[in-house]
Amino acid sequence: MAKAQQGADSTSPDDGLGDVAELSYEQARDELIAIVSQLEGGQLGLEESMRLWRRGEVLAAHCSTWLDGAEAALTEGDEAD
C-alpha cells in the first residue's frame, strides 16, 4: 500500500496523472465522482480498475489540497478580525 500512497503524492509526465495539478477543485471532484461510479459498477478489468484507482487517489489528494487551502484562508481571515 505504501507504493500506492507514493503514487498519489508524486506524478510524472509519463504516468498520465500530471494533468491533475491543472484541474480546479470542481473538475477534480467531478472526475473523482465519475471514477467511483465506474469502479462501483464492477464492469472493468483489473488493469483498468487499478489505473482508475491510482487516478482517483491523485484526484482525492488534489481535492484535499484545495480544501486545506480554503480552510487555511478562512482561518487566517478569522484571526485578522
PDB file of N, CA and C in Angstrom:
ATOM      1  N   MET A   1       0.821  -1.197   0.000  1.00  0.00           N
ATOM      2  CA  MET A   1       0.000   0.000   0.000  1.00  0.00           C
ATOM      3  C   MET A   1       0.860   1.254   0.000  1.00  0.00           C
ATOM      4  N   ALA A   2       2.053   1.162   0.561  1.00  0.00           N
ATOM      5  CA  ALA A   2       2.943   2.322   0.565  1.00  0.00           C
ATOM      6  C   ALA A   2       3.252   2.770  -0.853  1.00  0.00           C
ATOM      7  N   LYS A   3       3.363   1.818  -1.761  1.00  0.00           N
ATOM      8  CA  LYS A   3       3.647   2.165  -3.151  1.00  0.00           C
ATOM      9  C   LYS A   3       2.487   2.957  -3.751  1.00  0.00           C
ATOM     10  N   ALA A   4       1.254   2.559  -3.432  1.00  0.00           N
ATOM     11  CA  ALA A   4       0.093   3.290  -3.937  1.00  0.00           C
ATOM     12  C   ALA A   4       0.056   4.697  -3.368  1.00  0.00           C
ATOM     13  N   GLN A   5       0.399   4.852  -2.096  1.00  0.00           N
ATOM     14  CA  GLN A   5       0.426   6.173  -1.483  1.00  0.00           C
ATOM     15  C   GLN A   5       1.489   7.034  -2.133  1.00  0.00           C
ATOM     16  N   GLN A   6       2.645   6.453  -2.420  1.00  0.00           N
ATOM     17  CA  GLN A   6       3.705   7.191  -3.082  1.00  0.00           C
ATOM     18  C   GLN A   6       3.217   7.705  -4.422  1.00  0.00           C
ATOM     19  N   GLY A   7       2.456   6.909  -5.159  1.00  0.00           N
ATOM     20  CA  GLY A   7       1.925   7.323  -6.440  1.00  0.00           C
ATOM     21  C   GLY A   7       0.966   8.481  -6.320  1.00  0.00           C
ATOM     22  N   ALA A   8       0.253   8.556  -5.210  1.00  0.00           N
ATOM     23  CA  ALA A   8      -0.691   9.641  -5.006  1.00  0.00           C
ATOM     24  C   ALA A   8       0.022  10.955  -4.709  1.00  0.00           C
ATOM     25  N   ASP A   9       1.243  10.852  -4.162  1.00  0.00           N
ATOM     26  CA  ASP A   9       1.957  12.054  -3.789  1.00  0.00           C
ATOM     27  C   ASP A   9       2.805  12.623  -4.914  1.00  0.00           C
ATOM     28  N   SER A  10       3.211  11.777  -5.833  1.00  0.00           N
ATOM     29  CA  SER A  10       4.080  12.259  -6.901  1.00  0.00           C
ATOM     30  C   SER A  10       3.617  11.707  -8.237  1.00  0.00           C
ATOM     31  N   THR A  11       3.700  12.549  -9.236  1.00  0.00           N
ATOM     32  CA  THR A  11       3.324  12.122 -10.576  1.00  0.00           C
ATOM     33  C   THR A  11       4.436  12.492 -11.532  1.00  0.00           C
ATOM     34  N   SER A  12       4.538  11.734 -12.595  1.00  0.00           N
ATOM     35  CA  SER A  12       5.497  12.056 -13.637  1.00  0.00           C
ATOM     36  C   SER A  12       4.729  12.222 -14.934  1.00  0.00           C
ATOM     37  N   PRO A  13       5.269  12.969 -15.876  1.00  0.00           N
ATOM     38  CA  PRO A  13       4.547  13.240 -17.112  1.00  0.00           C
ATOM     39  C   PRO A  13       4.127  11.993 -17.865  1.00  0.00           C
ATOM     40  N   ASP A  14       4.869  10.891 -17.724  1.00  0.00           N
ATOM     41  CA  ASP A  14       4.550   9.701 -18.495  1.00  0.00           C
ATOM     42  C   ASP A  14       3.539   8.779 -17.819  1.00  0.00           C
ATOM     43  N   ASP A  15       3.069   9.107 -16.607  1.00  0.00           N
ATOM     44  CA  ASP A  15       2.114   8.235 -15.937  1.00  0.00           C
ATOM     45  C   ASP A  15       0.659   8.635 -16.191  1.00  0.00           C
ATOM     46  N   GLY A  16       0.446   9.700 -16.952  1.00  0.00           N
ATOM     47  CA  GLY A  16      -0.915  10.106 -17.274  1.00  0.00           C
ATOM     48  C   GLY A  16      -1.632  10.824 -16.157  1.00  0.00           C
ATOM     49  N   LEU A  17      -0.926  11.196 -15.099  1.00  0.00           N
ATOM     50  CA  LEU A  17      -1.567  11.833 -13.951  1.00  0.00           C
ATOM     51  C   LEU A  17      -1.116  13.277 -13.741  1.00  0.00           C
ATOM     52  N   GLY A  18      -0.130  13.724 -14.498  1.00  0.00           N
ATOM     53  CA  GLY A  18       0.422  15.060 -14.315  1.00  0.00           C
ATOM     54  C   GLY A  18      -0.561  16.190 -14.569  1.00  0.00           C
ATOM     55  N   ASP A  19      -1.629  15.914 -15.316  1.00  0.00           N
ATOM     56  CA  ASP A  19      -2.600  16.957 -15.620  1.00  0.00           C
ATOM     57  C   ASP A  19      -3.496  17.309 -14.437  1.00  0.00           C
ATOM     58  N   VAL A  20      -3.512  16.500 -13.405  1.00  0.00           N
ATOM     59  CA  VAL A  20      -4.395  16.726 -12.265  1.00  0.00           C
ATOM     60  C   VAL A  20      -4.093  18.064 -11.596  1.00  0.00           C
ATOM     61  N   ALA A  21      -2.836  18.439 -11.528  1.00  0.00           N
ATOM     62  CA  ALA A  21      -2.450  19.690 -10.878  1.00  0.00           C
ATOM     63  C   ALA A  21      -3.087  20.903 -11.532  1.00  0.00           C
ATOM     64  N   GLU A  22      -3.474  20.782 -12.781  1.00  0.00           N
ATOM     65  CA  GLU A  22      -4.070  21.907 -13.506  1.00  0.00           C
ATOM     66  C   GLU A  22      -5.584  21.993 -13.329  1.00  0.00           C
ATOM     67  N   LEU A  23      -6.198  20.990 -12.701  1.00  0.00           N
ATOM     68  CA  LEU A  23      -7.650  20.962 -12.561  1.00  0.00           C
ATOM     69  C   LEU A  23      -8.121  21.836 -11.412  1.00  0.00           C
ATOM     70  N   SER A  24      -9.275  22.441 -11.585  1.00  0.00           N
ATOM     71  CA  SER A  24      -9.903  23.154 -10.480  1.00  0.00           C
ATOM     72  C   SER A  24     -10.449  22.127  -9.495  1.00  0.00           C
ATOM     73  N   TYR A  25     -10.831  22.576  -8.326  1.00  0.00           N
ATOM     74  CA  TYR A  25     -11.416  21.674  -7.339  1.00  0.00           C
ATOM     75  C   TYR A  25     -12.646  20.979  -7.918  1.00  0.00           C
ATOM     76  N   GLU A  26     -13.520  21.749  -8.557  1.00  0.00           N
ATOM     77  CA  GLU A  26     -14.759  21.198  -9.092  1.00  0.00           C
ATOM     78  C   GLU A  26     -14.504  20.164 -10.187  1.00  0.00           C
ATOM     79  N   GLN A  27     -13.529  20.433 -11.050  1.00  0.00           N
ATOM     80  CA  GLN A  27     -13.196  19.484 -12.116  1.00  0.00           C
ATOM     81  C   GLN A  27     -12.669  18.182 -11.523  1.00  0.00           C
ATOM     82  N   ALA A  28     -11.777  18.296 -10.557  1.00  0.00           N
ATOM     83  CA  ALA A  28     -11.206  17.104  -9.922  1.00  0.00           C
ATOM     84  C   ALA A  28     -12.279  16.328  -9.176  1.00  0.00           C
ATOM     85  N   ARG A  29     -13.148  17.024  -8.450  1.00  0.00           N
ATOM     86  CA  ARG A  29     -14.230  16.367  -7.708  1.00  0.00           C
ATOM     87  C   ARG A  29     -15.168  15.627  -8.649  1.00  0.00           C
ATOM     88  N   ASP A  30     -15.544  16.275  -9.743  1.00  0.00           N
ATOM     89  CA  ASP A  30     -16.465  15.649 -10.697  1.00  0.00           C
ATOM     90  C   ASP A  30     -15.852  14.411 -11.342  1.00  0.00           C
ATOM     91  N   GLU A  31     -14.566  14.487 -11.679  1.00  0.00           N
ATOM     92  CA  GLU A  31     -13.908  13.323 -12.263  1.00  0.00           C
ATOM     93  C   GLU A  31     -13.795  12.206 -11.236  1.00  0.00           C
ATOM     94  N   LEU A  32     -13.507  12.560  -9.986  1.00  0.00           N
ATOM     95  CA  LEU A  32     -13.417  11.558  -8.929  1.00  0.00           C
ATOM     96  C   LEU A  32     -14.763  10.859  -8.722  1.00  0.00           C
ATOM     97  N   ILE A  33     -15.851  11.609  -8.765  1.00  0.00           N
ATOM     98  CA  ILE A  33     -17.193  11.027  -8.645  1.00  0.00           C
ATOM     99  C   ILE A  33     -17.446  10.044  -9.778  1.00  0.00           C
ATOM    100  N   ALA A  34     -17.053  10.422 -10.988  1.00  0.00           N
ATOM    101  CA  ALA A  34     -17.237   9.536 -12.143  1.00  0.00           C
ATOM    102  C   ALA A  34     -16.412   8.259 -12.002  1.00  0.00           C
ATOM    103  N   ILE A  35     -15.192   8.381 -11.487  1.00  0.00           N
ATOM    104  CA  ILE A  35     -14.335   7.212 -11.296  1.00  0.00           C
ATOM    105  C   ILE A  35     -14.934   6.274 -10.256  1.00  0.00           C
ATOM    106  N   VAL A  36     -15.406   6.823  -9.159  1.00  0.00           N
ATOM    107  CA  VAL A  36     -16.022   5.997  -8.118  1.00  0.00           C
ATOM    108  C   VAL A  36     -17.218   5.247  -8.688  1.00  0.00           C
ATOM    109  N   SER A  37     -18.009   5.926  -9.483  1.00  0.00           N
ATOM    110  CA  SER A  37     -19.172   5.289 -10.102  1.00  0.00           C
ATOM    111  C   SER A  37     -18.756   4.127 -10.994  1.00  0.00           C
ATOM    112  N   GLN A  38     -17.708   4.336 -11.800  1.00  0.00           N
ATOM    113  CA  GLN A  38     -17.220   3.272 -12.676  1.00  0.00           C
ATOM    114  C   GLN A  38     -16.702   2.086 -11.873  1.00  0.00           C
ATOM    115  N   LEU A  39     -15.955   2.364 -10.826  1.00  0.00           N
ATOM    116  CA  LEU A  39     -15.402   1.291 -10.008  1.00  0.00           C
ATOM    117  C   LEU A  39     -16.502   0.527  -9.282  1.00  0.00           C
ATOM    118  N   GLU A  40     -17.499   1.234  -8.804  1.00  0.00           N
ATOM    119  CA  GLU A  40     -18.606   0.571  -8.123  1.00  0.00           C
ATOM    120  C   GLU A  40     -19.436  -0.287  -9.072  1.00  0.00           C
ATOM    121  N   GLY A  41     -19.423   0.069 -10.353  1.00  0.00           N
ATOM    122  CA  GLY A  41     -20.170  -0.697 -11.344  1.00  0.00           C
ATOM    123  C   GLY A  41     -19.629  -2.104 -11.522  1.00  0.00           C
ATOM    124  N   GLY A  42     -18.356  -2.306 -11.241  1.00  0.00           N
ATOM    125  CA  GLY A  42     -17.756  -3.622 -11.282  1.00  0.00           C
ATOM    126  C   GLY A  42     -17.630  -4.241 -12.667  1.00  0.00           C
ATOM    127  N   GLN A  43     -17.708  -3.453 -13.710  1.00  0.00           N
ATOM    128  CA  GLN A  43     -17.647  -3.988 -15.066  1.00  0.00           C
ATOM    129  C   GLN A  43     -16.282  -3.834 -15.725  1.00  0.00           C
ATOM    130  N   LEU A  44     -15.305  -3.343 -14.983  1.00  0.00           N
ATOM    131  CA  LEU A  44     -13.982  -3.082 -15.541  1.00  0.00           C
ATOM    132  C   LEU A  44     -13.027  -4.229 -15.243  1.00  0.00           C
ATOM    133  N   GLY A  45     -12.045  -4.383 -16.101  1.00  0.00           N
ATOM    134  CA  GLY A  45     -10.992  -5.355 -15.857  1.00  0.00           C
ATOM    135  C   GLY A  45     -10.063  -4.864 -14.757  1.00  0.00           C
ATOM    136  N   LEU A  46      -9.221  -5.758 -14.286  1.00  0.00           N
ATOM    137  CA  LEU A  46      -8.316  -5.437 -13.190  1.00  0.00           C
ATOM    138  C   LEU A  46      -7.370  -4.285 -13.540  1.00  0.00           C
ATOM    139  N   GLU A  47      -6.753  -4.334 -14.712  1.00  0.00           N
ATOM    140  CA  GLU A  47      -5.797  -3.286 -15.082  1.00  0.00           C
ATOM    141  C   GLU A  47      -6.466  -1.914 -15.155  1.00  0.00           C
ATOM    142  N   GLU A  48      -7.637  -1.852 -15.782  1.00  0.00           N
ATOM    143  CA  GLU A  48      -8.361  -0.576 -15.880  1.00  0.00           C
ATOM    144  C   GLU A  48      -8.805  -0.102 -14.501  1.00  0.00           C
ATOM    145  N   SER A  49      -9.252  -1.032 -13.670  1.00  0.00           N
ATOM    146  CA  SER A  49      -9.656  -0.673 -12.305  1.00  0.00           C
ATOM    147  C   SER A  49      -8.489  -0.093 -11.528  1.00  0.00           C
ATOM    148  N   MET A  50      -7.319  -0.699 -11.649  1.00  0.00           N
ATOM    149  CA  MET A  50      -6.138  -0.198 -10.942  1.00  0.00           C
ATOM    150  C   MET A  50      -5.707   1.167 -11.471  1.00  0.00           C
ATOM    151  N   ARG A  51      -5.794   1.351 -12.784  1.00  0.00           N
ATOM    152  CA  ARG A  51      -5.449   2.659 -13.366  1.00  0.00           C
ATOM    153  C   ARG A  51      -6.390   3.737 -12.829  1.00  0.00           C
ATOM    154  N   LEU A  52      -7.682   3.428 -12.815  1.00  0.00           N
ATOM    155  CA  LEU A  52      -8.651   4.394 -12.307  1.00  0.00           C
ATOM    156  C   LEU A  52      -8.462   4.627 -10.810  1.00  0.00           C
ATOM    157  N   TRP A  53      -8.149   3.577 -10.065  1.00  0.00           N
ATOM    158  CA  TRP A  53      -7.917   3.715  -8.628  1.00  0.00           C
ATOM    159  C   TRP A  53      -6.759   4.678  -8.368  1.00  0.00           C
ATOM    160  N   ARG A  54      -5.655   4.489  -9.110  1.00  0.00           N
ATOM    161  CA  ARG A  54      -4.496   5.380  -8.941  1.00  0.00           C
ATOM    162  C   ARG A  54      -4.868   6.818  -9.266  1.00  0.00           C
ATOM    163  N   ARG A  55      -5.590   7.014 -10.359  1.00  0.00           N
ATOM    164  CA  ARG A  55      -6.002   8.376 -10.717  1.00  0.00           C
ATOM    165  C   ARG A  55      -6.927   8.943  -9.645  1.00  0.00           C
ATOM    166  N   GLY A  56      -7.819   8.131  -9.137  1.00  0.00           N
ATOM    167  CA  GLY A  56      -8.711   8.571  -8.069  1.00  0.00           C
ATOM    168  C   GLY A  56      -7.960   9.009  -6.826  1.00  0.00           C
ATOM    169  N   GLU A  57      -6.906   8.284  -6.471  1.00  0.00           N
ATOM    170  CA  GLU A  57      -6.092   8.685  -5.322  1.00  0.00           C
ATOM    171  C   GLU A  57      -5.467  10.055  -5.545  1.00  0.00           C
ATOM    172  N   VAL A  58      -4.959  10.285  -6.748  1.00  0.00           N
ATOM    173  CA  VAL A  58      -4.334  11.568  -7.058  1.00  0.00           C
ATOM    174  C   VAL A  58      -5.384  12.681  -7.052  1.00  0.00           C
ATOM    175  N   LEU A  59      -6.544  12.402  -7.617  1.00  0.00           N
ATOM    176  CA  LEU A  59      -7.630  13.395  -7.621  1.00  0.00           C
ATOM    177  C   LEU A  59      -8.076  13.716  -6.197  1.00  0.00           C
ATOM    178  N   ALA A  60      -8.209  12.692  -5.358  1.00  0.00           N
ATOM    179  CA  ALA A  60      -8.625  12.910  -3.969  1.00  0.00           C
ATOM    180  C   ALA A  60      -7.595  13.759  -3.223  1.00  0.00           C
ATOM    181  N   ALA A  61      -6.316  13.493  -3.446  1.00  0.00           N
ATOM    182  CA  ALA A  61      -5.266  14.285  -2.808  1.00  0.00           C
ATOM    183  C   ALA A  61      -5.316  15.734  -3.293  1.00  0.00           C
ATOM    184  N   HIS A  62      -5.580  15.913  -4.583  1.00  0.00           N
ATOM    185  CA  HIS A  62      -5.679  17.261  -5.155  1.00  0.00           C
ATOM    186  C   HIS A  62      -6.852  18.015  -4.523  1.00  0.00           C
ATOM    187  N   CYS A  63      -7.986  17.347  -4.400  1.00  0.00           N
ATOM    188  CA  CYS A  63      -9.160  17.976  -3.771  1.00  0.00           C
ATOM    189  C   CYS A  63      -8.857  18.331  -2.318  1.00  0.00           C
ATOM    190  N   SER A  64      -8.188  17.445  -1.620  1.00  0.00           N
ATOM    191  CA  SER A  64      -7.830  17.696  -0.229  1.00  0.00           C
ATOM    192  C   SER A  64      -6.929  18.915  -0.099  1.00  0.00           C
ATOM    193  N   THR A  65      -5.995  19.063  -1.024  1.00  0.00           N
ATOM    194  CA  THR A  65      -5.110  20.228  -1.019  1.00  0.00           C
ATOM    195  C   THR A  65      -5.904  21.512  -1.209  1.00  0.00           C
ATOM    196  N   TRP A  66      -6.853  21.491  -2.152  1.00  0.00           N
ATOM    197  CA  TRP A  66      -7.716  22.656  -2.369  1.00  0.00           C
ATOM    198  C   TRP A  66      -8.491  22.995  -1.098  1.00  0.00           C
ATOM    199  N   LEU A  67      -9.083  21.988  -0.464  1.00  0.00           N
ATOM    200  CA  LEU A  67      -9.889  22.217   0.741  1.00  0.00           C
ATOM    201  C   LEU A  67      -9.031  22.699   1.901  1.00  0.00           C
ATOM    202  N   ASP A  68      -7.835  22.143   2.045  1.00  0.00           N
ATOM    203  CA  ASP A  68      -6.922  22.609   3.094  1.00  0.00           C
ATOM    204  C   ASP A  68      -6.566  24.079   2.889  1.00  0.00           C
ATOM    205  N   GLY A  69      -6.336  24.460   1.636  1.00  0.00           N
ATOM    206  CA  GLY A  69      -6.025  25.862   1.343  1.00  0.00           C
ATOM    207  C   GLY A  69      -7.187  26.785   1.655  1.00  0.00           C
ATOM    208  N   ALA A  70      -8.397  26.332   1.333  1.00  0.00           N
ATOM    209  CA  ALA A  70      -9.586  27.143   1.636  1.00  0.00           C
ATOM    210  C   ALA A  70      -9.767  27.283   3.143  1.00  0.00           C
ATOM    211  N   GLU A  71      -9.557  26.193   3.872  1.00  0.00           N
ATOM    212  CA  GLU A  71      -9.679  26.238   5.326  1.00  0.00           C
ATOM    213  C   GLU A  71      -8.645  27.174   5.934  1.00  0.00           C
ATOM    214  N   ALA A  72      -7.426  27.118   5.419  1.00  0.00           N
ATOM    215  CA  ALA A  72      -6.365  27.992   5.913  1.00  0.00           C
ATOM    216  C   ALA A  72      -6.709  29.453   5.659  1.00  0.00           C
ATOM    217  N   ALA A  73      -7.250  29.743   4.484  1.00  0.00           N
ATOM    218  CA  ALA A  73      -7.630  31.123   4.164  1.00  0.00           C
ATOM    219  C   ALA A  73      -8.729  31.612   5.099  1.00  0.00           C
ATOM    220  N   LEU A  74      -9.687  30.747   5.393  1.00  0.00           N
ATOM    221  CA  LEU A  74     -10.769  31.130   6.306  1.00  0.00           C
ATOM    222  C   LEU A  74     -10.247  31.334   7.719  1.00  0.00           C
ATOM    223  N   THR A  75      -9.343  30.478   8.147  1.00  0.00           N
ATOM    224  CA  THR A  75      -8.765  30.585   9.485  1.00  0.00           C
ATOM    225  C   THR A  75      -7.961  31.869   9.602  1.00  0.00           C
ATOM    226  N   GLU A  76      -7.185  32.194   8.580  1.00  0.00           N
ATOM    227  CA  GLU A  76      -6.412  33.436   8.579  1.00  0.00           C
ATOM    228  C   GLU A  76      -7.342  34.639   8.635  1.00  0.00           C
ATOM    229  N   GLY A  77      -8.456  34.560   7.913  1.00  0.00           N
ATOM    230  CA  GLY A  77      -9.428  35.653   7.912  1.00  0.00           C
ATOM    231  C   GLY A  77     -10.050  35.856   9.278  1.00  0.00           C
ATOM    232  N   ASP A  78     -10.318  34.764   9.985  1.00  0.00           N
ATOM    233  CA  ASP A  78     -10.890  34.847  11.342  1.00  0.00           C
ATOM    234  C   ASP A  78      -9.893  35.450  12.317  1.00  0.00           C
ATOM    235  N   GLU A  79      -8.625  35.088  12.154  1.00  0.00           N
ATOM    236  CA  GLU A  79      -7.593  35.608  13.057  1.00  0.00           C
ATOM    237  C   GLU A  79      -7.338  37.094  12.830  1.00  0.00           C
ATOM    238  N   ALA A  80      -7.607  37.584  11.636  1.00  0.00           N
ATOM    239  CA  ALA A  80      -7.382  39.002  11.313  1.00  0.00           C
ATOM    240  C   ALA A  80      -8.470  39.885  11.922  1.00  0.00           C
ATOM    241  N   ASP A  81      -9.610  39.292  12.222  1.00  0.00           N
ATOM    242  CA  ASP A  81     -10.731  40.082  12.779  1.00  0.00           C
ATOM    243  C   ASP A  81     -10.534  40.438  14.192  1.00  0.00           C
TER     244      ASP A  81
END
